[in-house]
Amino acid sequence: MTQVMSGAGHHVDASTLLLQASSVTMRFGGLTAVNNVSLDVHAGEIVGLIGPNGAGKTTFFNCLTGLYKPTSGEVRFAGELLPPKPRLVVRAGMARTFQNIRLFHNMTALENVMVGMYSRTKTNAIDAVFRLPRHRREELASTERARELLDFVGLSSAADMLSRNLPYGDQRRLEIARALATDPKLLLLDEPTAGMNPQETRQAEELIFKIRDLGLAVLVIEHDMRFIFNLCDRVCCLVRGEVLVEGVGEVVQNDPRVIEAYIGAPAEPPADVPPPTAEPPASEAGKGSADA
């Protein structure tokens, strides 16, 4: 039985099945974006989802997180069927970031992280308007937890900065901190290193390992192959909305079908064109003419 150590010091059973997507299909009219895709993610595991542009990776993410209702198939989390509603998916224990950063740009970094906690608080509108004791207690606890998460992702000094004024790499980390604020068991990251320089990419890799060490599972979409194969325990490759291959990084990385999906197959001559015949050397051709 494989176990990992969580940040709280207790062991997490890596054999525990968290996410089970079974035969997920998503059609938009006559277009099939995701076709019969199945994927499992276990506790404490980092799983990569790769594929060329248009392979259906983000659409599959949207099906997992309730943004889309799959045409067919089902998504289960911790054994329970997930309803196609993002709010309920978050409460079940799944959180995500987006391919395009979606922060509240007129709010500070601290306030952005606190937004993620409102899915777990019990304060209602009346509590907030009249600042009743429950509201004050939860506001204080949320502020303290948000500062802890900013420190965890390396942004403690940026707590009071507007998110729009943060460097690009810091905005990516802030989005991860906000997702962690929902207290997830599984974190889904959609191209977390897109647009980053090599140093920022290394920092992102270290951060994801830190998240895994807390006992969380991570499912990540990425186009940076060096990043994904260094990071992940398993990798699943999608092509044209279907699973091409799934396995450990070394197996997927060396699969000729994956290489072909990214760089294409070598050109082959048409079957009805005969191969070119070798011409005789010039000396022999001249000799033949002289003999004639």
C-alpha atoms as a PDB file:
ATOM      1  CA  MET A   1       0.000   0.000   0.000  1.00  0.00           C
ATOM      2  CA  THR A   2       1.526   3.309  -1.090  1.00  0.00           C
ATOM      3  CA  GLN A   3       1.333   6.225   1.341  1.00  0.00           C
ATOM      4  CA  VAL A   4       2.423   9.867   1.234  1.00  0.00           C
ATOM      5  CA  MET A   5       3.036  12.219   4.125  1.00  0.00           C
ATOM      6  CA  SER A   6       0.699  15.170   4.352  1.00  0.00           C
ATOM      7  CA  GLY A   7       1.695  18.597   5.601  1.00  0.00           C
ATOM      8  CA  ALA A   8      -0.156  17.925   8.839  1.00  0.00           C
ATOM      9  CA  GLY A   9       2.162  15.003   9.531  1.00  0.00           C
ATOM     10  CA  HIS A  10      -0.282  12.156   8.906  1.00  0.00           C
ATOM     11  CA  HIS A  11      -0.197   9.586   6.133  1.00  0.00           C
ATOM     12  CA  VAL A  12      -2.524   9.695   3.159  1.00  0.00           C
ATOM     13  CA  ASP A  13      -3.403   6.406   1.497  1.00  0.00           C
ATOM     14  CA  ALA A  14      -2.408   6.863  -2.145  1.00  0.00           C
ATOM     15  CA  SER A  15      -4.591   3.902  -3.132  1.00  0.00           C
ATOM     16  CA  THR A  16      -7.735   5.913  -2.243  1.00  0.00           C
ATOM     17  CA  LEU A  17      -9.644   6.686  -5.428  1.00  0.00           C
ATOM     18  CA  LEU A  18     -10.700  10.344  -5.462  1.00  0.00           C
ATOM     19  CA  LEU A  19     -11.765  11.124  -9.022  1.00  0.00           C
ATOM     20  CA  GLN A  20     -13.352   8.587 -11.347  1.00  0.00           C
ATOM     21  CA  ALA A  21     -14.399   9.823 -14.768  1.00  0.00           C
ATOM     22  CA  SER A  22     -16.122   7.065 -16.732  1.00  0.00           C
ATOM     23  CA  SER A  23     -16.766   7.167 -20.493  1.00  0.00           C
ATOM     24  CA  VAL A  24     -17.174  10.957 -20.546  1.00  0.00           C
ATOM     25  CA  THR A  25     -18.401  12.270 -23.894  1.00  0.00           C
ATOM     26  CA  MET A  26     -19.108  15.916 -24.751  1.00  0.00           C
ATOM     27  CA  ARG A  27     -20.756  16.920 -28.016  1.00  0.00           C
ATOM     28  CA  PHE A  28     -21.515  20.399 -29.315  1.00  0.00           C
ATOM     29  CA  GLY A  29     -24.046  19.842 -32.082  1.00  0.00           C
ATOM     30  CA  GLY A  30     -22.291  17.625 -34.601  1.00  0.00           C
ATOM     31  CA  LEU A  31     -18.843  18.163 -33.061  1.00  0.00           C
ATOM     32  CA  THR A  32     -17.554  15.592 -30.584  1.00  0.00           C
ATOM     33  CA  ALA A  33     -14.988  17.439 -28.432  1.00  0.00           C
ATOM     34  CA  VAL A  34     -14.484  14.610 -25.907  1.00  0.00           C
ATOM     35  CA  ASN A  35     -15.198  11.011 -26.825  1.00  0.00           C
ATOM     36  CA  ASN A  36     -15.514   8.204 -24.276  1.00  0.00           C
ATOM     37  CA  VAL A  37     -12.700   9.412 -21.989  1.00  0.00           C
ATOM     38  CA  SER A  38     -12.104   7.615 -18.681  1.00  0.00           C
ATOM     39  CA  LEU A  39      -9.576   8.705 -16.080  1.00  0.00           C
ATOM     40  CA  ASP A  40      -8.897   7.926 -12.409  1.00  0.00           C
ATOM     41  CA  VAL A  41      -6.960  10.075  -9.923  1.00  0.00           C
ATOM     42  CA  HIS A  42      -5.891   8.781  -6.498  1.00  0.00           C
ATOM     43  CA  ALA A  43      -5.084  10.640  -3.303  1.00  0.00           C
ATOM     44  CA  GLY A  44      -1.606  12.190  -3.206  1.00  0.00           C
ATOM     45  CA  GLU A  45      -1.072  11.617  -6.935  1.00  0.00           C
ATOM     46  CA  ILE A  46      -0.003  14.068  -9.646  1.00  0.00           C
ATOM     47  CA  VAL A  47      -1.531  13.197 -13.016  1.00  0.00           C
ATOM     48  CA  GLY A  48      -0.755  15.030 -16.249  1.00  0.00           C
ATOM     49  CA  LEU A  49      -3.114  15.586 -19.171  1.00  0.00           C
ATOM     50  CA  ILE A  50      -1.355  16.367 -22.442  1.00  0.00           C
ATOM     51  CA  GLY A  51      -2.230  16.591 -26.105  1.00  0.00           C
ATOM     52  CA  PRO A  52      -1.929  18.956 -29.075  1.00  0.00           C
ATOM     53  CA  ASN A  53      -4.104  22.054 -29.340  1.00  0.00           C
ATOM     54  CA  GLY A  54      -7.749  21.157 -29.881  1.00  0.00           C
ATOM     55  CA  ALA A  55      -7.382  17.721 -28.279  1.00  0.00           C
ATOM     56  CA  GLY A  56     -10.239  18.373 -25.824  1.00  0.00           C
ATOM     57  CA  LYS A  57      -8.210  18.824 -22.623  1.00  0.00           C
ATOM     58  CA  THR A  58      -9.917  21.964 -21.303  1.00  0.00           C
ATOM     59  CA  THR A  59     -13.340  20.690 -22.401  1.00  0.00           C
ATOM     60  CA  PHE A  60     -12.694  17.557 -20.346  1.00  0.00           C
ATOM     61  CA  PHE A  61     -11.715  19.754 -17.377  1.00  0.00           C
ATOM     62  CA  ASN A  62     -14.974  21.666 -17.793  1.00  0.00           C
ATOM     63  CA  CYS A  63     -16.906  18.400 -17.687  1.00  0.00           C
ATOM     64  CA  LEU A  64     -15.112  17.369 -14.496  1.00  0.00           C
ATOM     65  CA  THR A  65     -15.763  20.664 -12.711  1.00  0.00           C
ATOM     66  CA  GLY A  66     -19.425  21.141 -13.633  1.00  0.00           C
ATOM     67  CA  LEU A  67     -19.047  23.949 -16.163  1.00  0.00           C
ATOM     68  CA  TYR A  68     -20.331  21.541 -18.824  1.00  0.00           C
ATOM     69  CA  LYS A  69     -22.822  18.730 -18.396  1.00  0.00           C
ATOM     70  CA  PRO A  70     -21.395  15.744 -20.295  1.00  0.00           C
ATOM     71  CA  THR A  71     -23.508  14.387 -23.144  1.00  0.00           C
ATOM     72  CA  SER A  72     -22.906  10.936 -21.689  1.00  0.00           C
ATOM     73  CA  GLY A  73     -20.759   9.281 -19.043  1.00  0.00           C
ATOM     74  CA  GLU A  74     -20.389  10.180 -15.384  1.00  0.00           C
ATOM     75  CA  VAL A  75     -17.959  11.812 -12.973  1.00  0.00           C
ATOM     76  CA  ARG A  76     -17.614  10.528  -9.403  1.00  0.00           C
ATOM     77  CA  PHE A  77     -15.645  12.069  -6.571  1.00  0.00           C
ATOM     78  CA  ALA A  78     -14.867  10.025  -3.456  1.00  0.00           C
ATOM     79  CA  GLY A  79     -17.454   7.535  -4.670  1.00  0.00           C
ATOM     80  CA  GLU A  80     -20.276  10.071  -5.012  1.00  0.00           C
ATOM     81  CA  LEU A  81     -21.785  11.120  -8.328  1.00  0.00           C
ATOM     82  CA  LEU A  82     -20.903  14.779  -9.004  1.00  0.00           C
ATOM     83  CA  PRO A  83     -23.739  17.052 -10.139  1.00  0.00           C
ATOM     84  CA  PRO A  84     -22.870  19.351 -13.086  1.00  0.00           C
ATOM     85  CA  LYS A  85     -22.869  22.484 -10.910  1.00  0.00           C
ATOM     86  CA  PRO A  86     -19.532  24.223 -10.151  1.00  0.00           C
ATOM     87  CA  ARG A  87     -20.624  25.345  -6.663  1.00  0.00           C
ATOM     88  CA  LEU A  88     -21.443  21.783  -5.614  1.00  0.00           C
ATOM     89  CA  VAL A  89     -18.254  20.446  -7.197  1.00  0.00           C
ATOM     90  CA  VAL A  90     -16.203  22.889  -5.100  1.00  0.00           C
ATOM     91  CA  ARG A  91     -18.040  21.911  -1.934  1.00  0.00           C
ATOM     92  CA  ALA A  92     -17.358  18.246  -2.728  1.00  0.00           C
ATOM     93  CA  GLY A  93     -13.610  18.946  -2.674  1.00  0.00           C
ATOM     94  CA  MET A  94     -12.445  19.890  -6.177  1.00  0.00           C
ATOM     95  CA  ALA A  95     -10.946  23.252  -7.143  1.00  0.00           C
ATOM     96  CA  ARG A  96      -9.390  24.521 -10.358  1.00  0.00           C
ATOM     97  CA  THR A  97      -7.449  27.288 -12.034  1.00  0.00           C
ATOM     98  CA  PHE A  98      -8.017  28.457 -15.590  1.00  0.00           C
ATOM     99  CA  GLN A  99      -5.969  28.619 -18.771  1.00  0.00           C
ATOM    100  CA  ASN A 100      -6.605  32.377 -18.855  1.00  0.00           C
ATOM    101  CA  ILE A 101      -6.059  33.993 -15.458  1.00  0.00           C
ATOM    102  CA  ARG A 102      -9.370  34.909 -13.814  1.00  0.00           C
ATOM    103  CA  LEU A 103      -8.609  37.106 -10.836  1.00  0.00           C
ATOM    104  CA  PHE A 104     -10.586  40.016  -9.422  1.00  0.00           C
ATOM    105  CA  HIS A 105      -8.246  42.731 -10.652  1.00  0.00           C
ATOM    106  CA  ASN A 106      -9.634  45.532  -8.481  1.00  0.00           C
ATOM    107  CA  MET A 107      -9.186  43.486  -5.298  1.00  0.00           C
ATOM    108  CA  THR A 108      -5.992  42.901  -3.354  1.00  0.00           C
ATOM    109  CA  ALA A 109      -4.188  39.586  -3.321  1.00  0.00           C
ATOM    110  CA  LEU A 110      -5.495  38.964   0.197  1.00  0.00           C
ATOM    111  CA  GLU A 111      -9.087  39.688  -0.816  1.00  0.00           C
ATOM    112  CA  ASN A 112      -8.808  37.383  -3.844  1.00  0.00           C
ATOM    113  CA  VAL A 113      -7.795  34.492  -1.611  1.00  0.00           C
ATOM    114  CA  MET A 114     -10.562  35.263   0.887  1.00  0.00           C
ATOM    115  CA  VAL A 115     -13.124  34.978  -1.928  1.00  0.00           C
ATOM    116  CA  GLY A 116     -12.211  31.312  -2.247  1.00  0.00           C
ATOM    117  CA  MET A 117     -13.139  30.685   1.381  1.00  0.00           C
ATOM    118  CA  TYR A 118     -16.740  31.808   1.080  1.00  0.00           C
ATOM    119  CA  SER A 119     -17.722  28.361  -0.196  1.00  0.00           C
ATOM    120  CA  ARG A 120     -16.908  27.062   3.316  1.00  0.00           C
ATOM    121  CA  THR A 121     -18.256  29.857   5.531  1.00  0.00           C
ATOM    122  CA  LYS A 122     -21.748  30.011   7.031  1.00  0.00           C
ATOM    123  CA  THR A 123     -22.203  33.782   7.213  1.00  0.00           C
ATOM    124  CA  ASN A 124     -25.383  35.026   5.505  1.00  0.00           C
ATOM    125  CA  ALA A 125     -26.379  38.462   4.259  1.00  0.00           C
ATOM    126  CA  ILE A 126     -27.939  39.516   7.573  1.00  0.00           C
ATOM    127  CA  ASP A 127     -24.778  38.515   9.478  1.00  0.00           C
ATOM    128  CA  ALA A 128     -22.673  40.606   7.094  1.00  0.00           C
ATOM    129  CA  VAL A 129     -24.919  43.690   7.013  1.00  0.00           C
ATOM    130  CA  PHE A 130     -25.170  43.953  10.799  1.00  0.00           C
ATOM    131  CA  ARG A 131     -21.683  42.554  11.419  1.00  0.00           C
ATOM    132  CA  LEU A 132     -22.967  39.960  13.828  1.00  0.00           C
ATOM    133  CA  PRO A 133     -20.529  37.889  15.939  1.00  0.00           C
ATOM    134  CA  ARG A 134     -20.509  34.946  13.498  1.00  0.00           C
ATOM    135  CA  HIS A 135     -19.553  37.251  10.635  1.00  0.00           C
ATOM    136  CA  ARG A 136     -16.726  38.832  12.645  1.00  0.00           C
ATOM    137  CA  ARG A 137     -15.376  35.438  13.731  1.00  0.00           C
ATOM    138  CA  GLU A 138     -15.396  34.029  10.215  1.00  0.00           C
ATOM    139  CA  GLU A 139     -13.927  37.219   8.738  1.00  0.00           C
ATOM    140  CA  LEU A 140     -11.037  37.075  11.192  1.00  0.00           C
ATOM    141  CA  ALA A 141     -10.443  33.365  10.555  1.00  0.00           C
ATOM    142  CA  SER A 142     -10.610  33.879   6.775  1.00  0.00           C
ATOM    143  CA  THR A 143      -8.097  36.720   6.899  1.00  0.00           C
ATOM    144  CA  GLU A 144      -5.665  34.651   8.931  1.00  0.00           C
ATOM    145  CA  ARG A 145      -6.012  31.623   6.657  1.00  0.00           C
ATOM    146  CA  ALA A 146      -5.619  33.782   3.530  1.00  0.00           C
ATOM    147  CA  ARG A 147      -2.333  35.163   4.855  1.00  0.00           C
ATOM    148  CA  GLU A 148      -1.130  31.616   5.524  1.00  0.00           C
ATOM    149  CA  LEU A 149      -1.922  30.600   1.937  1.00  0.00           C
ATOM    150  CA  LEU A 150      -0.210  33.675   0.495  1.00  0.00           C
ATOM    151  CA  ASP A 151       2.872  32.763   2.504  1.00  0.00           C
ATOM    152  CA  PHE A 152       2.602  29.161   1.279  1.00  0.00           C
ATOM    153  CA  VAL A 153       2.726  30.243  -2.393  1.00  0.00           C
ATOM    154  CA  GLY A 154       5.418  32.870  -1.759  1.00  0.00           C
ATOM    155  CA  LEU A 155       3.268  36.005  -1.935  1.00  0.00           C
ATOM    156  CA  SER A 156       3.150  37.138   1.695  1.00  0.00           C
ATOM    157  CA  SER A 157       4.715  40.503   0.813  1.00  0.00           C
ATOM    158  CA  ALA A 158       2.066  41.147  -1.863  1.00  0.00           C
ATOM    159  CA  ALA A 159      -0.989  40.719   0.363  1.00  0.00           C
ATOM    160  CA  ASP A 160      -2.110  44.352   0.058  1.00  0.00           C
ATOM    161  CA  MET A 161      -1.284  44.822  -3.625  1.00  0.00           C
ATOM    162  CA  LEU A 162      -4.017  44.947  -6.252  1.00  0.00           C
ATOM    163  CA  SER A 163      -3.890  41.704  -8.209  1.00  0.00           C
ATOM    164  CA  ARG A 164      -3.666  43.572 -11.530  1.00  0.00           C
ATOM    165  CA  ASN A 165      -0.349  45.093 -10.423  1.00  0.00           C
ATOM    166  CA  LEU A 166       1.294  41.730  -9.732  1.00  0.00           C
ATOM    167  CA  PRO A 167       3.794  40.215 -12.193  1.00  0.00           C
ATOM    168  CA  TYR A 168       2.369  37.523 -14.441  1.00  0.00           C
ATOM    169  CA  GLY A 169       3.963  34.607 -12.583  1.00  0.00           C
ATOM    170  CA  ASP A 170       2.695  35.943  -9.250  1.00  0.00           C
ATOM    171  CA  GLN A 171      -0.828  36.187 -10.653  1.00  0.00           C
ATOM    172  CA  ARG A 172      -0.626  32.494 -11.542  1.00  0.00           C
ATOM    173  CA  ARG A 173       0.438  31.647  -7.991  1.00  0.00           C
ATOM    174  CA  LEU A 174      -2.301  33.861  -6.564  1.00  0.00           C
ATOM    175  CA  GLU A 175      -4.890  31.931  -8.550  1.00  0.00           C
ATOM    176  CA  ILE A 176      -3.530  28.692  -7.072  1.00  0.00           C
ATOM    177  CA  ALA A 177      -3.745  30.199  -3.558  1.00  0.00           C
ATOM    178  CA  ARG A 178      -7.388  31.129  -4.164  1.00  0.00           C
ATOM    179  CA  ALA A 179      -8.138  27.578  -5.323  1.00  0.00           C
ATOM    180  CA  LEU A 180      -6.448  26.184  -2.196  1.00  0.00           C
ATOM    181  CA  ALA A 181      -8.639  28.475  -0.084  1.00  0.00           C
ATOM    182  CA  THR A 182     -11.648  26.303  -0.950  1.00  0.00           C
ATOM    183  CA  ASP A 183      -9.994  23.487   1.038  1.00  0.00           C
ATOM    184  CA  PRO A 184      -9.896  20.955  -1.825  1.00  0.00           C
ATOM    185  CA  LYS A 185      -8.806  17.336  -1.916  1.00  0.00           C
ATOM    186  CA  LEU A 186      -8.097  17.528  -5.651  1.00  0.00           C
ATOM    187  CA  LEU A 187      -6.619  20.545  -7.455  1.00  0.00           C
ATOM    188  CA  LEU A 188      -7.010  20.904 -11.221  1.00  0.00           C
ATOM    189  CA  LEU A 189      -4.510  23.200 -12.944  1.00  0.00           C
ATOM    190  CA  ASP A 190      -5.068  24.301 -16.544  1.00  0.00           C
ATOM    191  CA  GLU A 191      -1.683  25.241 -18.068  1.00  0.00           C
ATOM    192  CA  PRO A 192      -0.166  26.675 -14.867  1.00  0.00           C
ATOM    193  CA  THR A 193       3.148  27.581 -16.547  1.00  0.00           C
ATOM    194  CA  ALA A 194       1.742  29.174 -19.718  1.00  0.00           C
ATOM    195  CA  GLY A 195       3.697  32.358 -20.478  1.00  0.00           C
ATOM    196  CA  MET A 196       6.243  31.766 -17.703  1.00  0.00           C
ATOM    197  CA  ASN A 197      10.012  32.042 -18.027  1.00  0.00           C
ATOM    198  CA  PRO A 198      12.238  29.087 -16.980  1.00  0.00           C
ATOM    199  CA  GLN A 199      12.739  30.397 -13.432  1.00  0.00           C
ATOM    200  CA  GLU A 200       8.997  30.872 -12.888  1.00  0.00           C
ATOM    201  CA  THR A 201       8.377  27.390 -14.315  1.00  0.00           C
ATOM    202  CA  ARG A 202      10.777  25.846 -11.790  1.00  0.00           C
ATOM    203  CA  GLN A 203       9.019  27.726  -8.991  1.00  0.00           C
ATOM    204  CA  ALA A 204       5.655  26.422 -10.209  1.00  0.00           C
ATOM    205  CA  GLU A 205       6.994  22.865 -10.207  1.00  0.00           C
ATOM    206  CA  GLU A 206       8.271  23.242  -6.636  1.00  0.00           C
ATOM    207  CA  LEU A 207       4.921  24.693  -5.554  1.00  0.00           C
ATOM    208  CA  ILE A 208       2.968  21.773  -7.012  1.00  0.00           C
ATOM    209  CA  PHE A 209       5.224  19.313  -5.197  1.00  0.00           C
ATOM    210  CA  LYS A 210       4.558  21.245  -1.955  1.00  0.00           C
ATOM    211  CA  ILE A 211       0.821  20.958  -2.618  1.00  0.00           C
ATOM    212  CA  ARG A 212       1.139  17.206  -3.168  1.00  0.00           C
ATOM    213  CA  ASP A 213       3.077  16.942   0.103  1.00  0.00           C
ATOM    214  CA  LEU A 214       0.032  18.378   1.888  1.00  0.00           C
ATOM    215  CA  GLY A 215      -1.823  15.230   0.833  1.00  0.00           C
ATOM    216  CA  LEU A 216      -3.699  16.761  -2.110  1.00  0.00           C
ATOM    217  CA  ALA A 217      -4.027  15.152  -5.522  1.00  0.00           C
ATOM    218  CA  VAL A 218      -3.257  17.277  -8.586  1.00  0.00           C
ATOM    219  CA  LEU A 219      -4.501  16.960 -12.173  1.00  0.00           C
ATOM    220  CA  VAL A 220      -2.619  19.270 -14.516  1.00  0.00           C
ATOM    221  CA  ILE A 221      -2.889  20.247 -18.194  1.00  0.00           C
ATOM    222  CA  GLU A 222       0.371  21.443 -19.697  1.00  0.00           C
ATOM    223  CA  HIS A 223       2.168  21.817 -23.029  1.00  0.00           C
ATOM    224  CA  ASP A 224       5.675  22.009 -21.549  1.00  0.00           C
ATOM    225  CA  MET A 225       6.753  18.384 -21.917  1.00  0.00           C
ATOM    226  CA  ARG A 226       9.882  18.665 -19.775  1.00  0.00           C
ATOM    227  CA  PHE A 227       7.776  20.163 -16.976  1.00  0.00           C
ATOM    228  CA  ILE A 228       5.022  17.549 -17.206  1.00  0.00           C
ATOM    229  CA  PHE A 229       7.271  14.484 -17.326  1.00  0.00           C
ATOM    230  CA  ASN A 230       9.427  15.719 -14.423  1.00  0.00           C
ATOM    231  CA  LEU A 231       6.325  16.431 -12.357  1.00  0.00           C
ATOM    232  CA  CYS A 232       3.772  13.679 -12.877  1.00  0.00           C
ATOM    233  CA  ASP A 233       3.322  10.163 -11.565  1.00  0.00           C
ATOM    234  CA  ARG A 234       1.137   9.293 -14.558  1.00  0.00           C
ATOM    235  CA  VAL A 235       0.367  11.013 -17.855  1.00  0.00           C
ATOM    236  CA  CYS A 236      -2.682  10.706 -20.111  1.00  0.00           C
ATOM    237  CA  CYS A 237      -2.458  11.873 -23.728  1.00  0.00           C
ATOM    238  CA  LEU A 238      -5.605  13.041 -25.521  1.00  0.00           C
ATOM    239  CA  VAL A 239      -5.797  13.330 -29.301  1.00  0.00           C
ATOM    240  CA  ARG A 240      -8.956  14.433 -31.119  1.00  0.00           C
ATOM    241  CA  GLY A 241     -10.932  14.050 -27.913  1.00  0.00           C
ATOM    242  CA  GLU A 242      -9.896  10.443 -27.253  1.00  0.00           C
ATOM    243  CA  VAL A 243      -7.334   8.800 -24.963  1.00  0.00           C
ATOM    244  CA  LEU A 244      -4.332   7.859 -27.071  1.00  0.00           C
ATOM    245  CA  VAL A 245      -2.172   6.405 -24.294  1.00  0.00           C
ATOM    246  CA  GLU A 246      -1.959   6.524 -20.495  1.00  0.00           C
ATOM    247  CA  GLY A 247       0.821   5.414 -18.180  1.00  0.00           C
ATOM    248  CA  VAL A 248       3.989   6.451 -16.393  1.00  0.00           C
ATOM    249  CA  GLY A 249       5.930   9.305 -17.957  1.00  0.00           C
ATOM    250  CA  GLU A 250       8.658   7.198 -19.562  1.00  0.00           C
ATOM    251  CA  VAL A 251       6.136   4.993 -21.369  1.00  0.00           C
ATOM    252  CA  VAL A 252       4.075   7.901 -22.675  1.00  0.00           C
ATOM    253  CA  GLN A 253       7.116   9.990 -23.601  1.00  0.00           C
ATOM    254  CA  ASN A 254       8.578   7.229 -25.793  1.00  0.00           C
ATOM    255  CA  ASP A 255       5.329   6.123 -27.406  1.00  0.00           C
ATOM    256  CA  PRO A 256       5.662   6.759 -31.179  1.00  0.00           C
ATOM    257  CA  ARG A 257       1.962   7.667 -31.373  1.00  0.00           C
ATOM    258  CA  VAL A 258       2.512  10.557 -28.964  1.00  0.00           C
ATOM    259  CA  ILE A 259       5.501  11.784 -30.958  1.00  0.00           C
ATOM    260  CA  GLU A 260       3.441  11.575 -34.143  1.00  0.00           C
ATOM    261  CA  ALA A 261       0.550  13.492 -32.535  1.00  0.00           C
ATOM    262  CA  TYR A 262       2.849  16.424 -31.733  1.00  0.00           C
ATOM    263  CA  ILE A 263       5.222  16.592 -34.702  1.00  0.00           C
ATOM    264  CA  GLY A 264       3.357  14.561 -37.352  1.00  0.00           C
ATOM    265  CA  ALA A 265       4.223  11.416 -39.271  1.00  0.00           C
ATOM    266  CA  PRO A 266       7.027  11.356 -41.843  1.00  0.00           C
ATOM    267  CA  ALA A 267       5.870  12.035 -45.379  1.00  0.00           C
ATOM    268  CA  GLU A 268       5.366   8.947 -47.555  1.00  0.00           C
ATOM    269  CA  PRO A 269       5.128   8.847 -51.361  1.00  0.00           C
ATOM    270  CA  PRO A 270       1.697   8.001 -52.836  1.00  0.00           C
ATOM    271  CA  ALA A 271       1.174   4.267 -53.320  1.00  0.00           C
ATOM    272  CA  ASP A 272       0.575   4.581 -57.110  1.00  0.00           C
ATOM    273  CA  VAL A 273       3.844   6.395 -57.819  1.00  0.00           C
ATOM    274  CA  PRO A 274       6.699   3.983 -58.680  1.00  0.00           C
ATOM    275  CA  PRO A 275      10.063   4.602 -56.979  1.00  0.00           C
ATOM    276  CA  PRO A 276      12.594   6.498 -59.128  1.00  0.00           C
ATOM    277  CA  THR A 277      14.989   4.314 -61.175  1.00  0.00           C
ATOM    278  CA  ALA A 278      18.718   4.822 -60.952  1.00  0.00           C
ATOM    279  CA  GLU A 279      20.290   6.483 -64.009  1.00  0.00           C
ATOM    280  CA  PRO A 280      23.503   4.968 -65.456  1.00  0.00           C
ATOM    281  CA  PRO A 281      26.745   6.869 -64.824  1.00  0.00           C
ATOM    282  CA  ALA A 282      27.584   9.527 -67.409  1.00  0.00           C
ATOM    283  CA  SER A 283      30.654   7.597 -68.567  1.00  0.00           C
ATOM    284  CA  GLU A 284      28.585   4.517 -69.401  1.00  0.00           C
ATOM    285  CA  ALA A 285      25.935   6.587 -71.155  1.00  0.00           C
ATOM    286  CA  GLY A 286      28.635   8.186 -73.354  1.00  0.00           C
ATOM    287  CA  LYS A 287      30.173   4.811 -74.157  1.00  0.00           C
ATOM    288  CA  GLY A 288      26.838   3.481 -75.298  1.00  0.00           C
ATOM    289  CA  SER A 289      26.437   6.394 -77.706  1.00  0.00           C
ATOM    290  CA  ALA A 290      29.913   5.856 -79.170  1.00  0.00           C
ATOM    291  CA  ASP A 291      29.289   2.131 -79.783  1.00  0.00           C
ATOM    292  CA  ALA A 292      26.106   2.995 -81.631  1.00  0.00           C
END
